[in-house]
């Protein structure tokens, strides 16, 4: 009986740990940060991206989130900027702008 209980408890901890490790892995987003002027120059000159939208965060950091995109290649980059440091949060392809500027949000 004690052995059976030990196995059940051990398996429970193993499953819980595996789920925790999986969740932590999924939350990890690799970011690259550099001087804002360097990141912006790279997006413009190397990837032909232009700013599509931007906003100031509602939290105390007041960082700026922006989305840049290339209308021809459909590439995009999501940035977070605080002062003179900008971090690339995401890059991708197949960008579509869904907002109709004639309609209020």
PDB file of N, CA and C in Angstrom:
ATOM      1  N   UNK A   1       0.813  -1.193   0.000  1.00  0.00           N
ATOM      2  CA  UNK A   1       0.000   0.000   0.000  1.00  0.00           C
ATOM      3  C   UNK A   1       0.860   1.261   0.000  1.00  0.00           C
ATOM      4  N   UNK A   2       1.921   1.252   0.846  1.00  0.00           N
ATOM      5  CA  UNK A   2       2.803   2.418   0.904  1.00  0.00           C
ATOM      6  C   UNK A   2       3.524   2.618  -0.416  1.00  0.00           C
ATOM      7  N   UNK A   3       3.939   1.509  -1.043  1.00  0.00           N
ATOM      8  CA  UNK A   3       4.621   1.614  -2.332  1.00  0.00           C
ATOM      9  C   UNK A   3       3.703   2.190  -3.404  1.00  0.00           C
ATOM     10  N   UNK A   4       2.458   1.762  -3.369  1.00  0.00           N
ATOM     11  CA  UNK A   4       1.494   2.248  -4.350  1.00  0.00           C
ATOM     12  C   UNK A   4       1.269   3.755  -4.168  1.00  0.00           C
ATOM     13  N   UNK A   5       1.147   4.191  -2.931  1.00  0.00           N
ATOM     14  CA  UNK A   5       0.964   5.601  -2.635  1.00  0.00           C
ATOM     15  C   UNK A   5       2.182   6.406  -3.079  1.00  0.00           C
ATOM     16  N   UNK A   6       3.363   5.861  -2.851  1.00  0.00           N
ATOM     17  CA  UNK A   6       4.594   6.537  -3.259  1.00  0.00           C
ATOM     18  C   UNK A   6       4.652   6.688  -4.776  1.00  0.00           C
ATOM     19  N   UNK A   7       4.231   5.662  -5.498  1.00  0.00           N
ATOM     20  CA  UNK A   7       4.217   5.722  -6.961  1.00  0.00           C
ATOM     21  C   UNK A   7       3.218   6.768  -7.450  1.00  0.00           C
ATOM     22  N   UNK A   8       2.016   6.783  -6.856  1.00  0.00           N
ATOM     23  CA  UNK A   8       0.987   7.751  -7.259  1.00  0.00           C
ATOM     24  C   UNK A   8       1.469   9.173  -6.984  1.00  0.00           C
ATOM     25  N   UNK A   9       2.019   9.408  -5.790  1.00  0.00           N
ATOM     26  CA  UNK A   9       2.525  10.744  -5.451  1.00  0.00           C
ATOM     27  C   UNK A   9       3.677  11.120  -6.373  1.00  0.00           C
ATOM     28  N   UNK A  10       4.575  10.191  -6.612  1.00  0.00           N
ATOM     29  CA  UNK A  10       5.706  10.460  -7.505  1.00  0.00           C
ATOM     30  C   UNK A  10       5.254  10.799  -8.915  1.00  0.00           C
ATOM     31  N   UNK A  11       4.301  10.044  -9.439  1.00  0.00           N
ATOM     32  CA  UNK A  11       3.779  10.316 -10.783  1.00  0.00           C
ATOM     33  C   UNK A  11       3.075  11.676 -10.837  1.00  0.00           C
ATOM     34  N   UNK A  12       2.342  12.000  -9.772  1.00  0.00           N
ATOM     35  CA  UNK A  12       1.657  13.285  -9.716  1.00  0.00           C
ATOM     36  C   UNK A  12       2.660  14.432  -9.786  1.00  0.00           C
ATOM     37  N   UNK A  13       3.730  14.331  -8.992  1.00  0.00           N
ATOM     38  CA  UNK A  13       4.757  15.371  -9.028  1.00  0.00           C
ATOM     39  C   UNK A  13       5.446  15.433 -10.390  1.00  0.00           C
ATOM     40  N   UNK A  14       5.691  14.288 -11.007  1.00  0.00           N
ATOM     41  CA  UNK A  14       6.330  14.251 -12.310  1.00  0.00           C
ATOM     42  C   UNK A  14       5.467  14.932 -13.370  1.00  0.00           C
ATOM     43  N   UNK A  15       4.172  14.631 -13.368  1.00  0.00           N
ATOM     44  CA  UNK A  15       3.250  15.252 -14.335  1.00  0.00           C
ATOM     45  C   UNK A  15       3.173  16.755 -14.090  1.00  0.00           C
ATOM     46  N   UNK A  16       3.059  17.145 -12.810  1.00  0.00           N
ATOM     47  CA  UNK A  16       2.974  18.568 -12.481  1.00  0.00           C
ATOM     48  C   UNK A  16       4.243  19.298 -12.902  1.00  0.00           C
ATOM     49  N   UNK A  17       5.403  18.712 -12.643  1.00  0.00           N
ATOM     50  CA  UNK A  17       6.666  19.340 -13.021  1.00  0.00           C
ATOM     51  C   UNK A  17       6.782  19.449 -14.542  1.00  0.00           C
ATOM     52  N   UNK A  18       6.402  18.403 -15.257  1.00  0.00           N
ATOM     53  CA  UNK A  18       6.461  18.429 -16.715  1.00  0.00           C
ATOM     54  C   UNK A  18       5.557  19.519 -17.271  1.00  0.00           C
ATOM     55  N   UNK A  19       4.344  19.648 -16.728  1.00  0.00           N
ATOM     56  CA  UNK A  19       3.424  20.688 -17.174  1.00  0.00           C
ATOM     57  C   UNK A  19       3.985  22.068 -16.870  1.00  0.00           C
ATOM     58  N   UNK A  20       4.578  22.227 -15.689  1.00  0.00           N
ATOM     59  CA  UNK A  20       5.175  23.510 -15.314  1.00  0.00           C
ATOM     60  C   UNK A  20       6.317  23.861 -16.264  1.00  0.00           C
ATOM     61  N   UNK A  21       7.207  22.903 -16.529  1.00  0.00           N
ATOM     62  CA  UNK A  21       8.348  23.153 -17.415  1.00  0.00           C
ATOM     63  C   UNK A  21       7.867  23.497 -18.818  1.00  0.00           C
ATOM     64  N   UNK A  22       6.839  22.810 -19.293  1.00  0.00           N
ATOM     65  CA  UNK A  22       6.279  23.083 -20.622  1.00  0.00           C
ATOM     66  C   UNK A  22       5.712  24.495 -20.674  1.00  0.00           C
ATOM     67  N   UNK A  23       4.978  24.882 -19.627  1.00  0.00           N
ATOM     68  CA  UNK A  23       4.387  26.221 -19.578  1.00  0.00           C
ATOM     69  C   UNK A  23       5.474  27.281 -19.554  1.00  0.00           C
ATOM     70  N   UNK A  24       6.545  27.047 -18.820  1.00  0.00           N
ATOM     71  CA  UNK A  24       7.633  28.026 -18.757  1.00  0.00           C
ATOM     72  C   UNK A  24       8.310  28.152 -20.117  1.00  0.00           C
ATOM     73  N   UNK A  25       8.475  27.043 -20.805  1.00  0.00           N
ATOM     74  CA  UNK A  25       9.098  27.071 -22.126  1.00  0.00           C
ATOM     75  C   UNK A  25       8.246  27.874 -23.099  1.00  0.00           C
ATOM     76  N   UNK A  26       6.943  27.702 -23.055  1.00  0.00           N
ATOM     77  CA  UNK A  26       6.042  28.399 -23.962  1.00  0.00           C
ATOM     78  C   UNK A  26       5.996  29.899 -23.683  1.00  0.00           C
ATOM     79  N   UNK A  27       6.269  30.312 -22.444  1.00  0.00           N
ATOM     80  CA  UNK A  27       6.234  31.726 -22.089  1.00  0.00           C
ATOM     81  C   UNK A  27       7.519  32.443 -22.456  1.00  0.00           C
ATOM     82  N   UNK A  28       8.563  31.714 -22.755  1.00  0.00           N
ATOM     83  CA  UNK A  28       9.845  32.329 -23.056  1.00  0.00           C
ATOM     84  C   UNK A  28       9.827  32.868 -24.481  1.00  0.00           C
ATOM     85  N   UNK A  29      10.050  34.162 -24.587  1.00  0.00           N
ATOM     86  CA  UNK A  29      10.110  34.795 -25.900  1.00  0.00           C
ATOM     87  C   UNK A  29      11.497  35.409 -26.044  1.00  0.00           C
ATOM     88  N   UNK A  30      12.303  34.899 -26.974  1.00  0.00           N
ATOM     89  CA  UNK A  30      13.621  35.490 -27.141  1.00  0.00           C
ATOM     90  C   UNK A  30      13.491  36.909 -27.687  1.00  0.00           C
ATOM     91  N   UNK A  31      14.191  37.833 -27.078  1.00  0.00           N
ATOM     92  CA  UNK A  31      14.149  39.210 -27.547  1.00  0.00           C
ATOM     93  C   UNK A  31      15.559  39.688 -27.837  1.00  0.00           C
ATOM     94  N   UNK A  32      15.643  40.610 -28.763  1.00  0.00           N
ATOM     95  CA  UNK A  32      16.905  41.244 -29.111  1.00  0.00           C
ATOM     96  C   UNK A  32      16.719  42.727 -28.869  1.00  0.00           C
ATOM     97  N   UNK A  33      17.614  43.332 -28.112  1.00  0.00           N
ATOM     98  CA  UNK A  33      17.525  44.752 -27.810  1.00  0.00           C
ATOM     99  C   UNK A  33      18.780  45.464 -28.304  1.00  0.00           C
ATOM    100  N   UNK A  34      18.593  46.717 -28.715  1.00  0.00           N
ATOM    101  CA  UNK A  34      19.714  47.532 -29.186  1.00  0.00           C
ATOM    102  C   UNK A  34      19.297  48.988 -29.065  1.00  0.00           C
ATOM    103  N   UNK A  35      20.191  49.870 -29.457  1.00  0.00           N
ATOM    104  CA  UNK A  35      19.861  51.285 -29.464  1.00  0.00           C
ATOM    105  C   UNK A  35      18.708  51.510 -30.432  1.00  0.00           C
ATOM    106  N   UNK A  36      17.790  52.370 -30.050  1.00  0.00           N
ATOM    107  CA  UNK A  36      16.605  52.628 -30.867  1.00  0.00           C
ATOM    108  C   UNK A  36      16.988  53.045 -32.280  1.00  0.00           C
ATOM    109  N   UNK A  37      17.942  53.942 -32.413  1.00  0.00           N
ATOM    110  CA  UNK A  37      18.323  54.427 -33.750  1.00  0.00           C
ATOM    111  C   UNK A  37      18.865  53.300 -34.627  1.00  0.00           C
ATOM    112  N   UNK A  38      19.555  52.326 -34.033  1.00  0.00           N
ATOM    113  CA  UNK A  38      20.086  51.187 -34.785  1.00  0.00           C
ATOM    114  C   UNK A  38      18.959  50.279 -35.260  1.00  0.00           C
ATOM    115  N   UNK A  39      18.009  49.984 -34.378  1.00  0.00           N
ATOM    116  CA  UNK A  39      16.885  49.110 -34.741  1.00  0.00           C
ATOM    117  C   UNK A  39      16.050  49.753 -35.841  1.00  0.00           C
ATOM    118  N   UNK A  40      15.727  51.028 -35.684  1.00  0.00           N
ATOM    119  CA  UNK A  40      14.897  51.729 -36.672  1.00  0.00           C
ATOM    120  C   UNK A  40      15.605  51.790 -38.030  1.00  0.00           C
ATOM    121  N   UNK A  41      16.884  52.103 -38.027  1.00  0.00           N
ATOM    122  CA  UNK A  41      17.641  52.164 -39.282  1.00  0.00           C
ATOM    123  C   UNK A  41      17.651  50.809 -39.982  1.00  0.00           C
ATOM    124  N   UNK A  42      17.804  49.741 -39.201  1.00  0.00           N
ATOM    125  CA  UNK A  42      17.802  48.397 -39.785  1.00  0.00           C
ATOM    126  C   UNK A  42      16.446  48.066 -40.396  1.00  0.00           C
ATOM    127  N   UNK A  43      15.357  48.374 -39.679  1.00  0.00           N
ATOM    128  CA  UNK A  43      14.028  48.088 -40.213  1.00  0.00           C
ATOM    129  C   UNK A  43      13.776  48.855 -41.509  1.00  0.00           C
ATOM    130  N   UNK A  44      14.158  50.118 -41.537  1.00  0.00           N
ATOM    131  CA  UNK A  44      13.930  50.943 -42.724  1.00  0.00           C
ATOM    132  C   UNK A  44      14.830  50.533 -43.893  1.00  0.00           C
ATOM    133  N   UNK A  45      16.143  50.452 -43.633  1.00  0.00           N
ATOM    134  CA  UNK A  45      17.111  50.259 -44.718  1.00  0.00           C
ATOM    135  C   UNK A  45      17.257  48.812 -45.184  1.00  0.00           C
ATOM    136  N   UNK A  46      17.239  47.876 -44.264  1.00  0.00           N
ATOM    137  CA  UNK A  46      17.449  46.477 -44.639  1.00  0.00           C
ATOM    138  C   UNK A  46      16.152  45.767 -45.019  1.00  0.00           C
ATOM    139  N   UNK A  47      15.062  46.066 -44.284  1.00  0.00           N
ATOM    140  CA  UNK A  47      13.811  45.340 -44.502  1.00  0.00           C
ATOM    141  C   UNK A  47      12.721  46.177 -45.158  1.00  0.00           C
ATOM    142  N   UNK A  48      12.966  47.465 -45.374  1.00  0.00           N
ATOM    143  CA  UNK A  48      11.984  48.325 -46.022  1.00  0.00           C
ATOM    144  C   UNK A  48      10.697  48.486 -45.228  1.00  0.00           C
ATOM    145  N   UNK A  49      10.774  48.351 -43.909  1.00  0.00           N
ATOM    146  CA  UNK A  49       9.578  48.455 -43.085  1.00  0.00           C
ATOM    147  C   UNK A  49       9.338  49.893 -42.641  1.00  0.00           C
ATOM    148  N   UNK A  50       8.077  50.206 -42.482  1.00  0.00           N
ATOM    149  CA  UNK A  50       7.642  51.528 -42.036  1.00  0.00           C
ATOM    150  C   UNK A  50       6.727  51.349 -40.827  1.00  0.00           C
ATOM    151  N   UNK A  51       6.598  52.386 -39.994  1.00  0.00           N
ATOM    152  CA  UNK A  51       5.705  52.241 -38.837  1.00  0.00           C
ATOM    153  C   UNK A  51       4.247  52.172 -39.284  1.00  0.00           C
ATOM    154  N   UNK A  52       3.511  51.229 -38.715  1.00  0.00           N
ATOM    155  CA  UNK A  52       2.100  51.053 -39.046  1.00  0.00           C
ATOM    156  C   UNK A  52       1.220  51.536 -37.904  1.00  0.00           C
ATOM    157  N   UNK A  53       1.639  51.254 -36.683  1.00  0.00           N
ATOM    158  CA  UNK A  53       0.889  51.711 -35.514  1.00  0.00           C
ATOM    159  C   UNK A  53       1.804  51.783 -34.309  1.00  0.00           C
ATOM    160  N   UNK A  54       1.406  52.584 -33.330  1.00  0.00           N
ATOM    161  CA  UNK A  54       2.186  52.719 -32.108  1.00  0.00           C
ATOM    162  C   UNK A  54       1.264  53.151 -30.979  1.00  0.00           C
ATOM    163  N   UNK A  55       1.663  52.847 -29.766  1.00  0.00           N
ATOM    164  CA  UNK A  55       0.899  53.256 -28.593  1.00  0.00           C
ATOM    165  C   UNK A  55       1.770  53.233 -27.362  1.00  0.00           C
ATOM    166  N   UNK A  56       1.364  53.992 -26.351  1.00  0.00           N
ATOM    167  CA  UNK A  56       2.085  54.056 -25.088  1.00  0.00           C
ATOM    168  C   UNK A  56       1.432  53.080 -24.114  1.00  0.00           C
ATOM    169  N   UNK A  57       2.258  52.294 -23.420  1.00  0.00           N
ATOM    170  CA  UNK A  57       1.729  51.299 -22.488  1.00  0.00           C
ATOM    171  C   UNK A  57       0.977  51.973 -21.347  1.00  0.00           C
ATOM    172  N   UNK A  58      -0.004  51.273 -20.821  1.00  0.00           N
ATOM    173  CA  UNK A  58      -0.821  51.804 -19.736  1.00  0.00           C
ATOM    174  C   UNK A  58      -0.169  51.608 -18.373  1.00  0.00           C
ATOM    175  N   UNK A  59       0.885  50.807 -18.311  1.00  0.00           N
ATOM    176  CA  UNK A  59       1.540  50.587 -17.018  1.00  0.00           C
ATOM    177  C   UNK A  59       2.511  51.728 -16.711  1.00  0.00           C
ATOM    178  N   UNK A  60       3.158  51.632 -15.584  1.00  0.00           N
ATOM    179  CA  UNK A  60       4.038  52.699 -15.117  1.00  0.00           C
ATOM    180  C   UNK A  60       5.271  52.898 -15.990  1.00  0.00           C
ATOM    181  N   UNK A  61       5.632  51.898 -16.797  1.00  0.00           N
ATOM    182  CA  UNK A  61       6.844  52.015 -17.605  1.00  0.00           C
ATOM    183  C   UNK A  61       6.704  53.037 -18.732  1.00  0.00           C
ATOM    184  N   UNK A  62       5.482  53.238 -19.200  1.00  0.00           N
ATOM    185  CA  UNK A  62       5.215  54.162 -20.310  1.00  0.00           C
ATOM    186  C   UNK A  62       6.086  53.861 -21.531  1.00  0.00           C
ATOM    187  N   UNK A  63       6.368  52.585 -21.747  1.00  0.00           N
ATOM    188  CA  UNK A  63       7.126  52.197 -22.931  1.00  0.00           C
ATOM    189  C   UNK A  63       6.224  52.331 -24.159  1.00  0.00           C
ATOM    190  N   UNK A  64       6.839  52.377 -25.310  1.00  0.00           N
ATOM    191  CA  UNK A  64       6.105  52.516 -26.563  1.00  0.00           C
ATOM    192  C   UNK A  64       6.127  51.193 -27.299  1.00  0.00           C
ATOM    193  N   UNK A  65       4.962  50.709 -27.678  1.00  0.00           N
ATOM    194  CA  UNK A  65       4.847  49.510 -28.488  1.00  0.00           C
ATOM    195  C   UNK A  65       4.562  49.972 -29.909  1.00  0.00           C
ATOM    196  N   UNK A  66       5.269  49.397 -30.870  1.00  0.00           N
ATOM    197  CA  UNK A  66       5.014  49.768 -32.263  1.00  0.00           C
ATOM    198  C   UNK A  66       5.082  48.544 -33.162  1.00  0.00           C
ATOM    199  N   UNK A  67       4.340  48.632 -34.237  1.00  0.00           N
ATOM    200  CA  UNK A  67       4.349  47.583 -35.259  1.00  0.00           C
ATOM    201  C   UNK A  67       4.836  48.221 -36.552  1.00  0.00           C
ATOM    202  N   UNK A  68       5.836  47.617 -37.143  1.00  0.00           N
ATOM    203  CA  UNK A  68       6.414  48.071 -38.403  1.00  0.00           C
ATOM    204  C   UNK A  68       6.129  47.018 -39.455  1.00  0.00           C
ATOM    205  N   UNK A  69       5.962  47.425 -40.700  1.00  0.00           N
ATOM    206  CA  UNK A  69       5.694  46.450 -41.747  1.00  0.00           C
ATOM    207  C   UNK A  69       6.142  46.924 -43.104  1.00  0.00           C
ATOM    208  N   UNK A  70       6.330  45.971 -43.989  1.00  0.00           N
ATOM    209  CA  UNK A  70       6.670  46.261 -45.379  1.00  0.00           C
ATOM    210  C   UNK A  70       5.464  45.890 -46.218  1.00  0.00           C
ATOM    211  N   UNK A  71       4.797  46.875 -46.850  1.00  0.00           N
ATOM    212  CA  UNK A  71       3.579  46.592 -47.609  1.00  0.00           C
ATOM    213  C   UNK A  71       3.797  45.694 -48.832  1.00  0.00           C
ATOM    214  N   UNK A  72       5.024  45.625 -49.330  1.00  0.00           N
ATOM    215  CA  UNK A  72       5.299  44.799 -50.508  1.00  0.00           C
ATOM    216  C   UNK A  72       5.626  43.357 -50.138  1.00  0.00           C
ATOM    217  N   UNK A  73       6.519  43.173 -49.168  1.00  0.00           N
ATOM    218  CA  UNK A  73       6.933  41.815 -48.801  1.00  0.00           C
ATOM    219  C   UNK A  73       6.041  41.204 -47.727  1.00  0.00           C
ATOM    220  N   UNK A  74       5.220  42.045 -47.071  1.00  0.00           N
ATOM    221  CA  UNK A  74       4.311  41.624 -45.996  1.00  0.00           C
ATOM    222  C   UNK A  74       5.045  41.158 -44.737  1.00  0.00           C
ATOM    223  N   UNK A  75       6.327  41.566 -44.587  1.00  0.00           N
ATOM    224  CA  UNK A  75       7.043  41.252 -43.346  1.00  0.00           C
ATOM    225  C   UNK A  75       6.603  42.247 -42.275  1.00  0.00           C
ATOM    226  N   UNK A  76       6.746  41.854 -40.989  1.00  0.00           N
ATOM    227  CA  UNK A  76       6.427  42.777 -39.905  1.00  0.00           C
ATOM    228  C   UNK A  76       7.348  42.558 -38.727  1.00  0.00           C
ATOM    229  N   UNK A  77       7.440  43.597 -37.885  1.00  0.00           N
ATOM    230  CA  UNK A  77       8.238  43.554 -36.667  1.00  0.00           C
ATOM    231  C   UNK A  77       7.470  44.269 -35.565  1.00  0.00           C
ATOM    232  N   UNK A  78       7.417  43.667 -34.388  1.00  0.00           N
ATOM    233  CA  UNK A  78       6.778  44.286 -33.219  1.00  0.00           C
ATOM    234  C   UNK A  78       7.889  44.710 -32.271  1.00  0.00           C
ATOM    235  N   UNK A  79       7.857  45.989 -31.859  1.00  0.00           N
ATOM    236  CA  UNK A  79       8.902  46.557 -31.023  1.00  0.00           C
ATOM    237  C   UNK A  79       8.355  47.077 -29.702  1.00  0.00           C
ATOM    238  N   UNK A  80       9.216  47.083 -28.690  1.00  0.00           N
ATOM    239  CA  UNK A  80       8.946  47.772 -27.427  1.00  0.00           C
ATOM    240  C   UNK A  80      10.119  48.717 -27.210  1.00  0.00           C
ATOM    241  N   UNK A  81       9.805  50.003 -27.002  1.00  0.00           N
ATOM    242  CA  UNK A  81      10.839  51.018 -26.856  1.00  0.00           C
ATOM    243  C   UNK A  81      10.697  51.724 -25.523  1.00  0.00           C
ATOM    244  N   UNK A  82      11.804  51.860 -24.839  1.00  0.00           N
ATOM    245  CA  UNK A  82      11.857  52.611 -23.586  1.00  0.00           C
ATOM    246  C   UNK A  82      13.116  53.457 -23.662  1.00  0.00           C
ATOM    247  N   UNK A  83      12.937  54.765 -23.777  1.00  0.00           N
ATOM    248  CA  UNK A  83      14.092  55.649 -23.897  1.00  0.00           C
ATOM    249  C   UNK A  83      14.844  55.378 -25.182  1.00  0.00           C
ATOM    250  N   UNK A  84      16.154  55.185 -25.069  1.00  0.00           N
ATOM    251  CA  UNK A  84      16.965  54.954 -26.265  1.00  0.00           C
ATOM    252  C   UNK A  84      17.252  53.476 -26.517  1.00  0.00           C
ATOM    253  N   UNK A  85      16.452  52.575 -25.878  1.00  0.00           N
ATOM    254  CA  UNK A  85      16.606  51.134 -26.085  1.00  0.00           C
ATOM    255  C   UNK A  85      15.318  50.572 -26.676  1.00  0.00           C
ATOM    256  N   UNK A  86      15.464  49.801 -27.739  1.00  0.00           N
ATOM    257  CA  UNK A  86      14.325  49.155 -28.390  1.00  0.00           C
ATOM    258  C   UNK A  86      14.565  47.659 -28.448  1.00  0.00           C
ATOM    259  N   UNK A  87      13.523  46.893 -28.116  1.00  0.00           N
ATOM    260  CA  UNK A  87      13.594  45.432 -28.159  1.00  0.00           C
ATOM    261  C   UNK A  87      12.635  44.900 -29.217  1.00  0.00           C
ATOM    262  N   UNK A  88      13.107  43.940 -29.980  1.00  0.00           N
ATOM    263  CA  UNK A  88      12.285  43.270 -30.985  1.00  0.00           C
ATOM    264  C   UNK A  88      11.547  42.143 -30.274  1.00  0.00           C
ATOM    265  N   UNK A  89      10.212  42.236 -30.244  1.00  0.00           N
ATOM    266  CA  UNK A  89       9.400  41.230 -29.561  1.00  0.00           C
ATOM    267  C   UNK A  89       8.951  40.116 -30.488  1.00  0.00           C
ATOM    268  N   UNK A  90       8.754  40.459 -31.758  1.00  0.00           N
ATOM    269  CA  UNK A  90       8.270  39.460 -32.706  1.00  0.00           C
ATOM    270  C   UNK A  90       8.582  39.912 -34.120  1.00  0.00           C
ATOM    271  N   UNK A  91       8.842  38.959 -34.982  1.00  0.00           N
ATOM    272  CA  UNK A  91       8.979  39.211 -36.419  1.00  0.00           C
ATOM    273  C   UNK A  91       8.152  38.173 -37.145  1.00  0.00           C
ATOM    274  N   UNK A  92       7.701  38.522 -38.327  1.00  0.00           N
ATOM    275  CA  UNK A  92       6.896  37.550 -39.052  1.00  0.00           C
ATOM    276  C   UNK A  92       6.638  37.964 -40.478  1.00  0.00           C
ATOM    277  N   UNK A  93       5.704  37.252 -41.088  1.00  0.00           N
ATOM    278  CA  UNK A  93       5.367  37.482 -42.494  1.00  0.00           C
ATOM    279  C   UNK A  93       3.864  37.416 -42.669  1.00  0.00           C
ATOM    280  N   UNK A  94       3.419  37.681 -43.861  1.00  0.00           N
ATOM    281  CA  UNK A  94       1.998  37.664 -44.225  1.00  0.00           C
ATOM    282  C   UNK A  94       1.193  38.710 -43.451  1.00  0.00           C
ATOM    283  N   UNK A  95       1.780  39.895 -43.289  1.00  0.00           N
ATOM    284  CA  UNK A  95       1.126  40.989 -42.583  1.00  0.00           C
ATOM    285  C   UNK A  95      -0.120  41.441 -43.334  1.00  0.00           C
ATOM    286  N   UNK A  96      -1.205  41.615 -42.606  1.00  0.00           N
ATOM    287  CA  UNK A  96      -2.436  42.185 -43.137  1.00  0.00           C
ATOM    288  C   UNK A  96      -2.895  43.282 -42.191  1.00  0.00           C
ATOM    289  N   UNK A  97      -3.187  44.439 -42.721  1.00  0.00           N
ATOM    290  CA  UNK A  97      -3.717  45.518 -41.909  1.00  0.00           C
ATOM    291  C   UNK A  97      -5.235  45.406 -41.962  1.00  0.00           C
ATOM    292  N   UNK A  98      -5.849  45.189 -40.811  1.00  0.00           N
ATOM    293  CA  UNK A  98      -7.282  44.917 -40.753  1.00  0.00           C
ATOM    294  C   UNK A  98      -8.111  46.138 -40.391  1.00  0.00           C
ATOM    295  N   UNK A  99      -7.496  47.181 -39.923  1.00  0.00           N
ATOM    296  CA  UNK A  99      -8.201  48.365 -39.472  1.00  0.00           C
ATOM    297  C   UNK A  99      -8.644  49.213 -40.654  1.00  0.00           C
ATOM    298  N   UNK A 100      -9.919  49.545 -40.669  1.00  0.00           N
ATOM    299  CA  UNK A 100     -10.445  50.457 -41.686  1.00  0.00           C
ATOM    300  C   UNK A 100     -10.371  51.858 -41.082  1.00  0.00           C
ATOM    301  N   UNK A 101      -9.508  52.701 -41.604  1.00  0.00           N
ATOM    302  CA  UNK A 101      -9.273  54.007 -41.022  1.00  0.00           C
ATOM    303  C   UNK A 101     -10.502  54.921 -41.077  1.00  0.00           C
ATOM    304  N   UNK A 102     -11.468  54.580 -41.880  1.00  0.00           N
ATOM    305  CA  UNK A 102     -12.686  55.376 -41.945  1.00  0.00           C
ATOM    306  C   UNK A 102     -13.688  55.020 -40.846  1.00  0.00           C
ATOM    307  N   UNK A 103     -13.382  54.010 -40.071  1.00  0.00           N
ATOM    308  CA  UNK A 103     -14.283  53.545 -39.020  1.00  0.00           C
ATOM    309  C   UNK A 103     -13.645  53.767 -37.665  1.00  0.00           C
ATOM    310  N   UNK A 104     -14.384  54.327 -36.732  1.00  0.00           N
ATOM    311  CA  UNK A 104     -13.862  54.521 -35.374  1.00  0.00           C
ATOM    312  C   UNK A 104     -13.726  53.182 -34.684  1.00  0.00           C
ATOM    313  N   UNK A 105     -12.747  53.099 -33.806  1.00  0.00           N
ATOM    314  CA  UNK A 105     -12.529  51.862 -33.048  1.00  0.00           C
ATOM    315  C   UNK A 105     -13.493  51.799 -31.897  1.00  0.00           C
TER     316      UNK A 105
END
